[in-house]
C-alpha atoms as a PDB file:
ATOM      1  CA  UNK A   1       5.603   6.598 -14.663  1.00  0.00           C
ATOM      2  CA  UNK A   2       5.084   5.068 -18.351  1.00  0.00           C
ATOM      3  CA  UNK A   3       2.476   2.988 -18.833  1.00  0.00           C
ATOM      4  CA  UNK A   4       2.400   1.574 -21.542  1.00  0.00           C
ATOM      5  CA  UNK A   5      -0.984   0.403 -23.607  1.00  0.00           C
ATOM      6  CA  UNK A   6      -2.533   3.542 -22.918  1.00  0.00           C
ATOM      7  CA  UNK A   7      -0.677   6.490 -25.228  1.00  0.00           C
ATOM      8  CA  UNK A   8      -2.830   6.641 -28.150  1.00  0.00           C
ATOM      9  CA  UNK A   9      -6.070   5.261 -27.244  1.00  0.00           C
ATOM     10  CA  UNK A  10      -9.439   6.741 -26.455  1.00  0.00           C
ATOM     11  CA  UNK A  11     -10.325   7.067 -23.172  1.00  0.00           C
ATOM     12  CA  UNK A  12     -14.208   8.213 -21.701  1.00  0.00           C
ATOM     13  CA  UNK A  13     -13.970   9.359 -17.958  1.00  0.00           C
ATOM     14  CA  UNK A  14     -16.814  10.226 -16.288  1.00  0.00           C
ATOM     15  CA  UNK A  15     -17.172  12.698 -13.237  1.00  0.00           C
ATOM     16  CA  UNK A  16     -14.825  14.298 -15.020  1.00  0.00           C
ATOM     17  CA  UNK A  17     -15.628  18.037 -14.075  1.00  0.00           C
ATOM     18  CA  UNK A  18     -13.729  17.977 -10.823  1.00  0.00           C
ATOM     19  CA  UNK A  19     -12.308  16.159  -8.174  1.00  0.00           C
ATOM     20  CA  UNK A  20     -11.255  12.654  -8.776  1.00  0.00           C
ATOM     21  CA  UNK A  21     -12.476  12.500 -12.218  1.00  0.00           C
ATOM     22  CA  UNK A  22     -10.961  15.485 -13.197  1.00  0.00           C
ATOM     23  CA  UNK A  23      -7.761  13.926 -11.707  1.00  0.00           C
ATOM     24  CA  UNK A  24      -8.198  10.760 -13.805  1.00  0.00           C
ATOM     25  CA  UNK A  25      -8.768  12.881 -16.919  1.00  0.00           C
ATOM     26  CA  UNK A  26      -5.623  14.178 -16.698  1.00  0.00           C
ATOM     27  CA  UNK A  27      -3.602  11.513 -15.931  1.00  0.00           C
ATOM     28  CA  UNK A  28      -4.860   9.682 -18.859  1.00  0.00           C
ATOM     29  CA  UNK A  29      -4.042  12.644 -20.655  1.00  0.00           C
ATOM     30  CA  UNK A  30      -0.298  12.510 -19.409  1.00  0.00           C
ATOM     31  CA  UNK A  31      -0.192   9.216 -20.261  1.00  0.00           C
ATOM     32  CA  UNK A  32      -0.932   9.957 -24.217  1.00  0.00           C
ATOM     33  CA  UNK A  33      -4.385   9.145 -24.452  1.00  0.00           C
ATOM     34  CA  UNK A  34      -6.863  11.076 -26.326  1.00  0.00           C
ATOM     35  CA  UNK A  35      -9.474  11.601 -23.145  1.00  0.00           C
ATOM     36  CA  UNK A  36     -13.480  12.653 -23.721  1.00  0.00           C
ATOM     37  CA  UNK A  37     -14.344  14.039 -20.530  1.00  0.00           C
ATOM     38  CA  UNK A  38     -17.998  13.705 -19.859  1.00  0.00           C
ATOM     39  CA  UNK A  39     -19.607  15.403 -16.967  1.00  0.00           C
ATOM     40  CA  UNK A  40     -23.370  16.960 -16.348  1.00  0.00           C
ATOM     41  CA  UNK A  41     -21.913  20.541 -15.642  1.00  0.00           C
ATOM     42  CA  UNK A  42     -20.822  22.255 -18.369  1.00  0.00           C
ATOM     43  CA  UNK A  43     -18.715  25.079 -16.198  1.00  0.00           C
ATOM     44  CA  UNK A  44     -16.421  22.769 -14.186  1.00  0.00           C
ATOM     45  CA  UNK A  45     -16.397  20.319 -17.883  1.00  0.00           C
ATOM     46  CA  UNK A  46     -14.738  23.157 -20.031  1.00  0.00           C
ATOM     47  CA  UNK A  47     -11.955  24.106 -17.598  1.00  0.00           C
ATOM     48  CA  UNK A  48     -11.184  20.345 -17.320  1.00  0.00           C
ATOM     49  CA  UNK A  49     -11.102  20.370 -21.103  1.00  0.00           C
ATOM     50  CA  UNK A  50      -9.287  23.727 -21.282  1.00  0.00           C
ATOM     51  CA  UNK A  51      -6.684  22.348 -18.943  1.00  0.00           C
ATOM     52  CA  UNK A  52      -6.072  19.617 -20.999  1.00  0.00           C
ATOM     53  CA  UNK A  53      -5.621  21.395 -23.845  1.00  0.00           C
ATOM     54  CA  UNK A  54      -3.752  23.951 -22.279  1.00  0.00           C
ATOM     55  CA  UNK A  55      -1.493  21.051 -21.615  1.00  0.00           C
ATOM     56  CA  UNK A  56      -1.153  20.176 -25.169  1.00  0.00           C
ATOM     57  CA  UNK A  57      -3.286  17.320 -24.646  1.00  0.00           C
ATOM     58  CA  UNK A  58      -5.854  16.097 -26.816  1.00  0.00           C
ATOM     59  CA  UNK A  59      -9.054  16.582 -25.278  1.00  0.00           C
ATOM     60  CA  UNK A  60     -13.199  16.582 -26.039  1.00  0.00           C
ATOM     61  CA  UNK A  61     -15.975  17.543 -23.454  1.00  0.00           C
ATOM     62  CA  UNK A  62     -19.478  16.100 -23.499  1.00  0.00           C
ATOM     63  CA  UNK A  63     -22.261  17.504 -21.550  1.00  0.00           C
ATOM     64  CA  UNK A  64     -24.027  14.192 -20.456  1.00  0.00           C
ATOM     65  CA  UNK A  65     -26.612  13.296 -17.819  1.00  0.00           C
ATOM     66  CA  UNK A  66     -25.303   9.520 -16.951  1.00  0.00           C
ATOM     67  CA  UNK A  67     -28.508   8.931 -15.632  1.00  0.00           C
ATOM     68  CA  UNK A  68     -29.508   9.059 -18.803  1.00  0.00           C
ATOM     69  CA  UNK A  69     -29.034   6.096 -21.078  1.00  0.00           C
ATOM     70  CA  UNK A  70     -30.304   7.717 -24.626  1.00  0.00           C
ATOM     71  CA  UNK A  71     -27.681  10.615 -23.590  1.00  0.00           C
ATOM     72  CA  UNK A  72     -25.248   8.130 -22.673  1.00  0.00           C
ATOM     73  CA  UNK A  73     -25.464   5.709 -26.050  1.00  0.00           C
ATOM     74  CA  UNK A  74     -25.439   9.378 -27.993  1.00  0.00           C
ATOM     75  CA  UNK A  75     -22.040  10.183 -26.311  1.00  0.00           C
ATOM     76  CA  UNK A  76     -20.145   6.835 -27.189  1.00  0.00           C
ATOM     77  CA  UNK A  77     -21.443   7.059 -30.071  1.00  0.00           C
ATOM     78  CA  UNK A  78     -20.205  10.229 -30.735  1.00  0.00           C
ATOM     79  CA  UNK A  79     -16.618   9.953 -29.320  1.00  0.00           C
ATOM     80  CA  UNK A  80     -16.200   6.707 -32.041  1.00  0.00           C
ATOM     81  CA  UNK A  81     -17.516   8.645 -34.728  1.00  0.00           C
ATOM     82  CA  UNK A  82     -15.459  11.515 -33.543  1.00  0.00           C
ATOM     83  CA  UNK A  83     -12.255   9.783 -32.497  1.00  0.00           C
ATOM     84  CA  UNK A  84     -12.178   6.116 -32.833  1.00  0.00           C
ATOM     85  CA  UNK A  85     -12.789   3.017 -30.929  1.00  0.00           C
ATOM     86  CA  UNK A  86     -13.283   3.474 -27.240  1.00  0.00           C
ATOM     87  CA  UNK A  87     -10.176   1.518 -25.469  1.00  0.00           C
ATOM     88  CA  UNK A  88     -10.648   2.422 -22.132  1.00  0.00           C
ATOM     89  CA  UNK A  89     -14.016   4.012 -19.955  1.00  0.00           C
ATOM     90  CA  UNK A  90     -13.839   5.166 -16.562  1.00  0.00           C
ATOM     91  CA  UNK A  91     -16.913   5.370 -14.112  1.00  0.00           C
ATOM     92  CA  UNK A  92     -15.767   8.300 -11.747  1.00  0.00           C
ATOM     93  CA  UNK A  93     -19.377  10.132 -11.740  1.00  0.00           C
ATOM     94  CA  UNK A  94     -21.392  10.013  -8.367  1.00  0.00           C
ATOM     95  CA  UNK A  95     -22.937  12.120  -6.290  1.00  0.00           C
ATOM     96  CA  UNK A  96     -23.271  11.906  -1.922  1.00  0.00           C
ATOM     97  CA  UNK A  97     -26.464  11.908   0.204  1.00  0.00           C
ATOM     98  CA  UNK A  98     -25.465  11.728   3.838  1.00  0.00           C
ATOM     99  CA  UNK A  99     -27.558  11.137   7.210  1.00  0.00           C
ATOM    100  CA  UNK A 100     -29.705   8.622   9.066  1.00  0.00           C
ATOM    101  CA  UNK A 101     -31.227   5.959   7.105  1.00  0.00           C
ATOM    102  CA  UNK A 102     -34.537   6.798   9.184  1.00  0.00           C
ATOM    103  CA  UNK A 103     -34.140  10.791   7.816  1.00  0.00           C
ATOM    104  CA  UNK A 104     -33.408   9.811   4.204  1.00  0.00           C
ATOM    105  CA  UNK A 105     -36.270  10.659   2.017  1.00  0.00           C
ATOM    106  CA  UNK A 106     -37.232   8.795  -1.491  1.00  0.00           C
ATOM    107  CA  UNK A 107     -35.606  11.427  -3.809  1.00  0.00           C
ATOM    108  CA  UNK A 108     -32.196  10.999  -2.335  1.00  0.00           C
ATOM    109  CA  UNK A 109     -32.013   7.337  -2.262  1.00  0.00           C
ATOM    110  CA  UNK A 110     -33.052   6.960  -5.812  1.00  0.00           C
ATOM    111  CA  UNK A 111     -30.247  10.012  -6.952  1.00  0.00           C
ATOM    112  CA  UNK A 112     -27.768   8.118  -5.378  1.00  0.00           C
ATOM    113  CA  UNK A 113     -28.467   4.724  -7.056  1.00  0.00           C
ATOM    114  CA  UNK A 114     -29.528   6.568 -10.265  1.00  0.00           C
ATOM    115  CA  UNK A 115     -26.198   8.159 -10.765  1.00  0.00           C
ATOM    116  CA  UNK A 116     -23.757   5.772  -8.624  1.00  0.00           C
ATOM    117  CA  UNK A 117     -24.838   2.376  -9.710  1.00  0.00           C
ATOM    118  CA  UNK A 118     -26.919   3.018 -13.161  1.00  0.00           C
ATOM    119  CA  UNK A 119     -24.911   5.616 -14.336  1.00  0.00           C
ATOM    120  CA  UNK A 120     -22.010   2.977 -14.221  1.00  0.00           C
ATOM    121  CA  UNK A 121     -24.501   0.357 -15.969  1.00  0.00           C
ATOM    122  CA  UNK A 122     -25.338   2.792 -18.770  1.00  0.00           C
ATOM    123  CA  UNK A 123     -21.592   3.474 -19.905  1.00  0.00           C
ATOM    124  CA  UNK A 124     -20.353   0.132 -19.155  1.00  0.00           C
ATOM    125  CA  UNK A 125     -23.060  -1.337 -21.284  1.00  0.00           C
ATOM    126  CA  UNK A 126     -22.565   0.731 -23.910  1.00  0.00           C
ATOM    127  CA  UNK A 127     -18.736   0.661 -24.299  1.00  0.00           C
ATOM    128  CA  UNK A 128     -19.198  -3.487 -24.121  1.00  0.00           C
ATOM    129  CA  UNK A 129     -21.181  -3.206 -26.825  1.00  0.00           C
ATOM    130  CA  UNK A 130     -18.580  -1.513 -28.879  1.00  0.00           C
ATOM    131  CA  UNK A 131     -16.204  -3.140 -27.281  1.00  0.00           C
ATOM    132  CA  UNK A 132     -17.167  -7.369 -27.176  1.00  0.00           C
ATOM    133  CA  UNK A 133     -16.522  -7.304 -31.418  1.00  0.00           C
ATOM    134  CA  UNK A 134     -13.241  -5.788 -31.492  1.00  0.00           C
ATOM    135  CA  UNK A 135     -11.703  -8.182 -28.489  1.00  0.00           C
ATOM    136  CA  UNK A 136     -10.113  -5.145 -26.081  1.00  0.00           C
ATOM    137  CA  UNK A 137     -11.029  -2.892 -23.606  1.00  0.00           C
ATOM    138  CA  UNK A 138     -11.097  -1.672 -20.152  1.00  0.00           C
ATOM    139  CA  UNK A 139     -13.744  -0.637 -18.049  1.00  0.00           C
ATOM    140  CA  UNK A 140     -12.835   0.736 -14.733  1.00  0.00           C
ATOM    141  CA  UNK A 141     -15.202   1.912 -12.040  1.00  0.00           C
ATOM    142  CA  UNK A 142     -14.367   4.157  -9.200  1.00  0.00           C
ATOM    143  CA  UNK A 143     -16.237   3.108  -6.129  1.00  0.00           C
ATOM    144  CA  UNK A 144     -15.601   3.604  -2.322  1.00  0.00           C
ATOM    145  CA  UNK A 145     -14.184   1.794   0.420  1.00  0.00           C
ATOM    146  CA  UNK A 146     -17.555   2.208   1.955  1.00  0.00           C
ATOM    147  CA  UNK A 147     -19.009  -0.572  -0.686  1.00  0.00           C
ATOM    148  CA  UNK A 148     -16.633  -2.634   1.774  1.00  0.00           C
ATOM    149  CA  UNK A 149     -17.546  -1.726   5.231  1.00  0.00           C
ATOM    150  CA  UNK A 150     -20.317   0.048   7.256  1.00  0.00           C
ATOM    151  CA  UNK A 151     -20.572   3.720   7.792  1.00  0.00           C
ATOM    152  CA  UNK A 152     -22.944   5.473   9.422  1.00  0.00           C
ATOM    153  CA  UNK A 153     -24.987   7.785   7.751  1.00  0.00           C
ATOM    154  CA  UNK A 154     -23.430   6.720   4.447  1.00  0.00           C
ATOM    155  CA  UNK A 155     -26.028   3.644   3.762  1.00  0.00           C
ATOM    156  CA  UNK A 156     -27.655   4.617   0.579  1.00  0.00           C
ATOM    157  CA  UNK A 157     -24.006   6.041  -0.938  1.00  0.00           C
ATOM    158  CA  UNK A 158     -22.242   2.787   0.497  1.00  0.00           C
ATOM    159  CA  UNK A 159     -24.964   0.085  -0.910  1.00  0.00           C
ATOM    160  CA  UNK A 160     -24.853   2.015  -4.324  1.00  0.00           C
ATOM    161  CA  UNK A 161     -21.260   2.198  -4.330  1.00  0.00           C
ATOM    162  CA  UNK A 162     -21.273  -1.770  -3.629  1.00  0.00           C
ATOM    163  CA  UNK A 163     -23.987  -2.573  -6.282  1.00  0.00           C
ATOM    164  CA  UNK A 164     -21.802  -1.025  -8.655  1.00  0.00           C
ATOM    165  CA  UNK A 165     -18.665  -2.525  -7.737  1.00  0.00           C
ATOM    166  CA  UNK A 166     -20.289  -6.055  -8.278  1.00  0.00           C
ATOM    167  CA  UNK A 167     -21.807  -4.769 -11.087  1.00  0.00           C
ATOM    168  CA  UNK A 168     -18.509  -4.181 -12.598  1.00  0.00           C
ATOM    169  CA  UNK A 169     -17.036  -7.263 -11.684  1.00  0.00           C
ATOM    170  CA  UNK A 170     -19.823  -9.239 -12.641  1.00  0.00           C
ATOM    171  CA  UNK A 171     -19.396  -7.330 -16.141  1.00  0.00           C
ATOM    172  CA  UNK A 172     -15.945  -8.440 -15.892  1.00  0.00           C
ATOM    173  CA  UNK A 173     -16.574 -12.327 -15.710  1.00  0.00           C
ATOM    174  CA  UNK A 174     -18.990 -11.937 -18.732  1.00  0.00           C
ATOM    175  CA  UNK A 175     -16.214 -10.218 -20.635  1.00  0.00           C
ATOM    176  CA  UNK A 176     -13.571 -11.892 -19.841  1.00  0.00           C
ATOM    177  CA  UNK A 177     -13.502 -14.543 -22.855  1.00  0.00           C
ATOM    178  CA  UNK A 178     -13.437 -11.105 -25.098  1.00  0.00           C
ATOM    179  CA  UNK A 179     -10.119  -9.655 -23.656  1.00  0.00           C
ATOM    180  CA  UNK A 180     -11.687  -6.851 -22.095  1.00  0.00           C
ATOM    181  CA  UNK A 181     -10.857  -6.477 -18.399  1.00  0.00           C
ATOM    182  CA  UNK A 182     -13.449  -4.747 -16.035  1.00  0.00           C
ATOM    183  CA  UNK A 183     -11.845  -3.547 -12.502  1.00  0.00           C
ATOM    184  CA  UNK A 184     -12.397  -1.476  -9.224  1.00  0.00           C
ATOM    185  CA  UNK A 185     -10.268   1.593  -7.861  1.00  0.00           C
ATOM    186  CA  UNK A 186     -12.562   2.237  -4.359  1.00  0.00           C
ATOM    187  CA  UNK A 187     -11.003   5.271  -2.870  1.00  0.00           C
ATOM    188  CA  UNK A 188     -11.461   6.301   0.934  1.00  0.00           C
ATOM    189  CA  UNK A 189     -11.216   9.920   2.108  1.00  0.00           C
ATOM    190  CA  UNK A 190      -9.886  12.002  -0.467  1.00  0.00           C
ATOM    191  CA  UNK A 191      -9.592  15.570  -0.622  1.00  0.00           C
ATOM    192  CA  UNK A 192     -11.939  16.640  -3.135  1.00  0.00           C
ATOM    193  CA  UNK A 193     -14.970  19.184  -2.823  1.00  0.00           C
ATOM    194  CA  UNK A 194     -17.488  16.182  -2.321  1.00  0.00           C
ATOM    195  CA  UNK A 195     -15.143  14.919   0.713  1.00  0.00           C
ATOM    196  CA  UNK A 196     -15.077  18.915   1.769  1.00  0.00           C
ATOM    197  CA  UNK A 197     -18.670  19.032   1.643  1.00  0.00           C
ATOM    198  CA  UNK A 198     -19.023  17.083   4.755  1.00  0.00           C
ATOM    199  CA  UNK A 199     -17.036  18.934   7.115  1.00  0.00           C
ATOM    200  CA  UNK A 200     -18.476  21.027   9.687  1.00  0.00           C
ATOM    201  CA  UNK A 201     -15.491  22.495  11.069  1.00  0.00           C
ATOM    202  CA  UNK A 202     -11.902  23.749   9.938  1.00  0.00           C
ATOM    203  CA  UNK A 203     -10.205  21.212  11.278  1.00  0.00           C
ATOM    204  CA  UNK A 204     -12.264  18.714   8.970  1.00  0.00           C
ATOM    205  CA  UNK A 205      -9.122  16.908   7.314  1.00  0.00           C
ATOM    206  CA  UNK A 206      -7.829  16.531  10.835  1.00  0.00           C
ATOM    207  CA  UNK A 207     -10.769  14.522  12.404  1.00  0.00           C
ATOM    208  CA  UNK A 208     -11.358  12.320   9.114  1.00  0.00           C
ATOM    209  CA  UNK A 209      -7.783  11.339   9.883  1.00  0.00           C
ATOM    210  CA  UNK A 210      -8.115  10.774  13.506  1.00  0.00           C
ATOM    211  CA  UNK A 211     -11.226   8.790  12.963  1.00  0.00           C
ATOM    212  CA  UNK A 212     -14.768   8.797  14.950  1.00  0.00           C
ATOM    213  CA  UNK A 213     -15.095   6.057  17.801  1.00  0.00           C
ATOM    214  CA  UNK A 214     -18.565   6.930  18.314  1.00  0.00           C
ATOM    215  CA  UNK A 215     -19.388   6.103  14.995  1.00  0.00           C
ATOM    216  CA  UNK A 216     -17.278   3.196  14.585  1.00  0.00           C
ATOM    217  CA  UNK A 217     -14.912   4.966  12.302  1.00  0.00           C
ATOM    218  CA  UNK A 218     -11.328   3.891  12.172  1.00  0.00           C
ATOM    219  CA  UNK A 219      -8.964   6.632  11.115  1.00  0.00           C
ATOM    220  CA  UNK A 220      -6.373   6.507   8.381  1.00  0.00           C
ATOM    221  CA  UNK A 221      -3.338   4.452   9.484  1.00  0.00           C
ATOM    222  CA  UNK A 222      -0.967   6.459   7.184  1.00  0.00           C
ATOM    223  CA  UNK A 223      -2.127   9.568   8.578  1.00  0.00           C
ATOM    224  CA  UNK A 224      -2.780  11.923   5.179  1.00  0.00           C
ATOM    225  CA  UNK A 225      -5.783  12.108   3.021  1.00  0.00           C
ATOM    226  CA  UNK A 226      -5.673  10.813  -0.236  1.00  0.00           C
ATOM    227  CA  UNK A 227      -5.002  13.365  -3.065  1.00  0.00           C
ATOM    228  CA  UNK A 228      -7.196  12.620  -6.435  1.00  0.00           C
ATOM    229  CA  UNK A 229      -3.890  12.008  -7.977  1.00  0.00           C
ATOM    230  CA  UNK A 230      -3.628   9.318  -5.679  1.00  0.00           C
ATOM    231  CA  UNK A 231      -6.820   7.555  -6.990  1.00  0.00           C
ATOM    232  CA  UNK A 232      -5.973   8.907 -10.417  1.00  0.00           C
ATOM    233  CA  UNK A 233      -2.248   6.628 -10.434  1.00  0.00           C
ATOM    234  CA  UNK A 234      -4.368   3.287  -9.742  1.00  0.00           C
ATOM    235  CA  UNK A 235      -6.608   4.358 -12.440  1.00  0.00           C
ATOM    236  CA  UNK A 236      -3.809   4.605 -14.775  1.00  0.00           C
ATOM    237  CA  UNK A 237      -1.782   1.399 -13.711  1.00  0.00           C
ATOM    238  CA  UNK A 238      -5.157  -0.557 -13.889  1.00  0.00           C
ATOM    239  CA  UNK A 239      -5.643   0.580 -17.251  1.00  0.00           C
ATOM    240  CA  UNK A 240      -2.301  -0.266 -18.708  1.00  0.00           C
ATOM    241  CA  UNK A 241      -0.471  -3.387 -20.068  1.00  0.00           C
ATOM    242  CA  UNK A 242       1.018  -3.682 -16.664  1.00  0.00           C
ATOM    243  CA  UNK A 243      -2.477  -4.881 -15.246  1.00  0.00           C
ATOM    244  CA  UNK A 244      -3.110  -6.840 -18.196  1.00  0.00           C
ATOM    245  CA  UNK A 245      -3.665  -9.997 -16.609  1.00  0.00           C
ATOM    246  CA  UNK A 246      -5.609  -8.490 -13.946  1.00  0.00           C
ATOM    247  CA  UNK A 247      -9.428  -8.380 -14.410  1.00  0.00           C
ATOM    248  CA  UNK A 248     -12.219  -8.202 -11.881  1.00  0.00           C
ATOM    249  CA  UNK A 249     -10.288  -6.368  -8.756  1.00  0.00           C
ATOM    250  CA  UNK A 250     -11.037  -4.377  -6.206  1.00  0.00           C
ATOM    251  CA  UNK A 251      -8.127  -2.315  -5.230  1.00  0.00           C
ATOM    252  CA  UNK A 252      -8.546   0.409  -2.464  1.00  0.00           C
ATOM    253  CA  UNK A 253      -6.994   3.477  -2.222  1.00  0.00           C
ATOM    254  CA  UNK A 254      -7.510   4.385   1.250  1.00  0.00           C
ATOM    255  CA  UNK A 255      -4.141   4.475   3.490  1.00  0.00           C
ATOM    256  CA  UNK A 256      -5.467   1.775   5.283  1.00  0.00           C
ATOM    257  CA  UNK A 257      -8.711   3.299   6.255  1.00  0.00           C
ATOM    258  CA  UNK A 258     -11.092   0.253   6.323  1.00  0.00           C
ATOM    259  CA  UNK A 259      -8.180  -2.538   7.319  1.00  0.00           C
ATOM    260  CA  UNK A 260      -8.949  -3.847   4.508  1.00  0.00           C
ATOM    261  CA  UNK A 261     -12.250  -5.250   6.016  1.00  0.00           C
END
């Protein structure tokens, strides 16, 4: 699909080392964006950038910890100095900690919020400060359907993603007068290393698709896990001029798993 409004622009993608972040970086590059891929894992980041270069795309890698505001500001400054004004920021970087609240320690809770919420704030703020004087831009946060429906053993993750979702919508309200759009893409279960890390048996995908009644979790009506590319396609749409009149929206890409609760 051709998404006008992306070709020739500068796009920053966090969490680009693997999974959804890598798929987003690849999708934006295919649409003609110059991609600044960001991740705190230099090995995975290099694999992403090498793959983009192998396809003949223009890309650069930036090792950065989204929890560190100073590092984020340095990356945004470096991208604009090297490539030009940033048009798109896609916040994908995230971590997962599972288990009952009664078993969760302070460090895990803090880590989930530091990356999944504060990291979004750091990159969105840094980008918005530069976008406002120019009067254009798009900021997209990859959240989770767990932000919109309670999930047993995912309290910290869901709460952090819910906070990031509301932050992004509120930012969209503030930035709308400046022509800047802020949206959320909320995936459900997606075939990524993070998802596979939660499986305890070989039939992990089948179990997720079927659902877990004893934990009040519905299955996936469409009968499949999402591929990272399914999420990336939604990001590309929201970044494009086809979505020029869409802001503060939360687009679920979960095969109907939450029954859009």
